[in-house]
């Protein structure tokens, strides 16, 4: 996290339910930058999730946007595909 560029959006898949819907977050990023949110990074947790201290560090990072991927707790590899699929569908509707 120390080396994450402050200007680059980081979407944090918060498994505790402390995030906003990914569509809302991507829309806000696009609106604020007047461009599609290209170059966003995704922070997906390890098996068992992040502990409280890790979650505080991530959420305290500049340009971090906690997201919610729905009511289910997904495996790490499934959450990554879900987040990327949502981002692709929401930001590249023309293709």
C-alpha atoms as a PDB file:
ATOM      1  CA  UNK A   1       0.000   0.000   0.000  1.00  0.00           C
ATOM      2  CA  UNK A   2       2.934   2.339   0.625  1.00  0.00           C
ATOM      3  CA  UNK A   3       3.768   2.389  -3.081  1.00  0.00           C
ATOM      4  CA  UNK A   4       0.232   2.651  -4.448  1.00  0.00           C
ATOM      5  CA  UNK A   5      -0.017   5.889  -6.515  1.00  0.00           C
ATOM      6  CA  UNK A   6      -2.298   8.394  -4.739  1.00  0.00           C
ATOM      7  CA  UNK A   7      -3.960   9.415  -8.007  1.00  0.00           C
ATOM      8  CA  UNK A   8      -4.844   5.841  -9.062  1.00  0.00           C
ATOM      9  CA  UNK A   9      -8.261   4.621  -7.847  1.00  0.00           C
ATOM     10  CA  UNK A  10      -8.200   1.504  -5.712  1.00  0.00           C
ATOM     11  CA  UNK A  11     -11.429  -0.465  -5.426  1.00  0.00           C
ATOM     12  CA  UNK A  12     -11.374  -2.436  -2.192  1.00  0.00           C
ATOM     13  CA  UNK A  13     -13.681  -5.442  -2.110  1.00  0.00           C
ATOM     14  CA  UNK A  14     -14.776  -5.138   1.503  1.00  0.00           C
ATOM     15  CA  UNK A  15     -16.165  -8.488   2.573  1.00  0.00           C
ATOM     16  CA  UNK A  16     -17.633  -7.007   5.760  1.00  0.00           C
ATOM     17  CA  UNK A  17     -20.364  -5.186   3.846  1.00  0.00           C
ATOM     18  CA  UNK A  18     -18.746  -1.797   4.375  1.00  0.00           C
ATOM     19  CA  UNK A  19     -18.647  -0.884   0.704  1.00  0.00           C
ATOM     20  CA  UNK A  20     -20.910   0.708  -1.876  1.00  0.00           C
ATOM     21  CA  UNK A  21     -22.192  -1.068  -4.995  1.00  0.00           C
ATOM     22  CA  UNK A  22     -19.436  -1.302  -7.591  1.00  0.00           C
ATOM     23  CA  UNK A  23     -21.626   0.390 -10.240  1.00  0.00           C
ATOM     24  CA  UNK A  24     -22.051   3.479  -8.042  1.00  0.00           C
ATOM     25  CA  UNK A  25     -18.330   3.717  -7.262  1.00  0.00           C
ATOM     26  CA  UNK A  26     -17.264   3.332 -10.900  1.00  0.00           C
ATOM     27  CA  UNK A  27     -19.817   5.952 -11.922  1.00  0.00           C
ATOM     28  CA  UNK A  28     -18.488   8.405  -9.318  1.00  0.00           C
ATOM     29  CA  UNK A  29     -14.892   7.851 -10.437  1.00  0.00           C
ATOM     30  CA  UNK A  30     -15.807   8.390 -14.084  1.00  0.00           C
ATOM     31  CA  UNK A  31     -17.792  11.531 -13.247  1.00  0.00           C
ATOM     32  CA  UNK A  32     -15.019  13.009 -11.084  1.00  0.00           C
ATOM     33  CA  UNK A  33     -12.386  12.398 -13.743  1.00  0.00           C
ATOM     34  CA  UNK A  34     -14.642  13.049 -16.743  1.00  0.00           C
ATOM     35  CA  UNK A  35     -13.345   9.792 -18.233  1.00  0.00           C
ATOM     36  CA  UNK A  36     -14.041   6.084 -17.881  1.00  0.00           C
ATOM     37  CA  UNK A  37     -12.299   4.689 -14.796  1.00  0.00           C
ATOM     38  CA  UNK A  38      -9.455   3.062 -16.704  1.00  0.00           C
ATOM     39  CA  UNK A  39      -6.492   1.984 -14.623  1.00  0.00           C
ATOM     40  CA  UNK A  40      -8.366   1.243 -11.424  1.00  0.00           C
ATOM     41  CA  UNK A  41      -6.804  -1.355  -9.191  1.00  0.00           C
ATOM     42  CA  UNK A  42      -8.678  -3.949  -7.196  1.00  0.00           C
ATOM     43  CA  UNK A  43      -7.816  -5.111  -3.693  1.00  0.00           C
ATOM     44  CA  UNK A  44      -9.230  -8.586  -3.148  1.00  0.00           C
ATOM     45  CA  UNK A  45      -8.781 -10.248   0.217  1.00  0.00           C
ATOM     46  CA  UNK A  46      -7.043 -13.471   1.094  1.00  0.00           C
ATOM     47  CA  UNK A  47      -8.883 -16.580   2.220  1.00  0.00           C
ATOM     48  CA  UNK A  48     -10.462 -15.691   5.543  1.00  0.00           C
ATOM     49  CA  UNK A  49     -10.567 -11.983   4.704  1.00  0.00           C
ATOM     50  CA  UNK A  50      -8.559  -9.032   5.914  1.00  0.00           C
ATOM     51  CA  UNK A  51      -8.043  -8.426   9.600  1.00  0.00           C
ATOM     52  CA  UNK A  52      -9.130  -5.121  11.145  1.00  0.00           C
ATOM     53  CA  UNK A  53      -5.654  -3.540  11.014  1.00  0.00           C
ATOM     54  CA  UNK A  54      -5.226  -4.423   7.323  1.00  0.00           C
ATOM     55  CA  UNK A  55      -8.684  -3.067   6.543  1.00  0.00           C
ATOM     56  CA  UNK A  56      -7.861   0.250   8.291  1.00  0.00           C
ATOM     57  CA  UNK A  57      -4.639   0.630   6.269  1.00  0.00           C
ATOM     58  CA  UNK A  58      -6.413  -0.059   2.988  1.00  0.00           C
ATOM     59  CA  UNK A  59      -9.395   2.204   3.668  1.00  0.00           C
ATOM     60  CA  UNK A  60      -7.071   4.966   4.895  1.00  0.00           C
ATOM     61  CA  UNK A  61      -5.215   5.030   1.581  1.00  0.00           C
ATOM     62  CA  UNK A  62      -5.819   7.997  -0.721  1.00  0.00           C
ATOM     63  CA  UNK A  63      -8.305   7.306  -3.510  1.00  0.00           C
ATOM     64  CA  UNK A  64      -9.503   4.045  -1.908  1.00  0.00           C
ATOM     65  CA  UNK A  65     -13.115   3.160  -2.673  1.00  0.00           C
ATOM     66  CA  UNK A  66     -14.645   0.287  -0.680  1.00  0.00           C
ATOM     67  CA  UNK A  67     -16.962  -1.727  -2.910  1.00  0.00           C
ATOM     68  CA  UNK A  68     -19.566  -4.369  -2.262  1.00  0.00           C
ATOM     69  CA  UNK A  69     -19.835  -7.357  -4.605  1.00  0.00           C
ATOM     70  CA  UNK A  70     -23.133  -8.580  -3.211  1.00  0.00           C
ATOM     71  CA  UNK A  71     -24.430 -10.548  -0.245  1.00  0.00           C
ATOM     72  CA  UNK A  72     -22.240 -13.649  -0.679  1.00  0.00           C
ATOM     73  CA  UNK A  73     -18.705 -14.113   0.622  1.00  0.00           C
ATOM     74  CA  UNK A  74     -16.770 -15.081  -2.502  1.00  0.00           C
ATOM     75  CA  UNK A  75     -13.533 -16.999  -2.736  1.00  0.00           C
ATOM     76  CA  UNK A  76     -10.584 -14.760  -3.628  1.00  0.00           C
ATOM     77  CA  UNK A  77     -10.298 -16.023  -7.193  1.00  0.00           C
ATOM     78  CA  UNK A  78     -14.068 -15.726  -7.721  1.00  0.00           C
ATOM     79  CA  UNK A  79     -14.187 -12.205  -6.257  1.00  0.00           C
ATOM     80  CA  UNK A  80     -11.429 -11.080  -8.618  1.00  0.00           C
ATOM     81  CA  UNK A  81     -13.310 -12.334 -11.680  1.00  0.00           C
ATOM     82  CA  UNK A  82     -16.580 -10.861 -10.402  1.00  0.00           C
ATOM     83  CA  UNK A  83     -15.027  -7.425  -9.807  1.00  0.00           C
ATOM     84  CA  UNK A  84     -13.250  -7.365 -13.165  1.00  0.00           C
ATOM     85  CA  UNK A  85     -16.347  -8.575 -15.006  1.00  0.00           C
ATOM     86  CA  UNK A  86     -18.496  -5.882 -13.387  1.00  0.00           C
ATOM     87  CA  UNK A  87     -15.928  -3.190 -14.158  1.00  0.00           C
ATOM     88  CA  UNK A  88     -15.638  -4.293 -17.759  1.00  0.00           C
ATOM     89  CA  UNK A  89     -19.401  -4.433 -18.267  1.00  0.00           C
ATOM     90  CA  UNK A  90     -19.989  -1.060 -16.602  1.00  0.00           C
ATOM     91  CA  UNK A  91     -17.153   0.872 -18.242  1.00  0.00           C
ATOM     92  CA  UNK A  92     -17.096  -0.600 -21.729  1.00  0.00           C
ATOM     93  CA  UNK A  93     -20.738  -1.011 -22.682  1.00  0.00           C
ATOM     94  CA  UNK A  94     -19.965  -0.136 -26.317  1.00  0.00           C
ATOM     95  CA  UNK A  95     -17.996  -3.374 -26.910  1.00  0.00           C
END
